[in-house]
């Protein structure tokens, strides 16, 4: 399997380029976690997997959401990596937009594709923000019902 000029090469390079944008928000979030919560769960008999899934993972979700947003938006418009590492069959939406502007000189269609990409990215970011703000409200409602 040739590494260069393949979809696998494009995928590896995209992960390599965007990985810091995911790791840094996660690290910043995980750094702020209270170690006493994990110690308490261990004292109550939780094993490592239970402590991760019931304490660490839910507390790290804001970092996951921030990292996903920081990776998703730039990854939509990237066109240099598929041009350099991908073959002629590999094209992302950024490549199609660039092709419409520079190669076929169809500026109206390229503009429409750019606007559709921008609207789709804003809609997905807005949906993610709405889900992110709605989720803590449900957790408080569940906690309130459990206390009653």
Foldseek 3Di string as FASTA:
>chain_A
DDCFAAPNVLVVVLCVVLVVLLVVLLVVQQVPDDVVQLVVVVVVPDDPVCCCVVPVVVSSVVSNLRSCLSSVVVVQQDAPSCVGGHHPVDDGLNVVLCCCVPPVNVVVVSVVSVVVSVVVSVVVNVVSVVCVVVVVVVVVVVVVVVVD
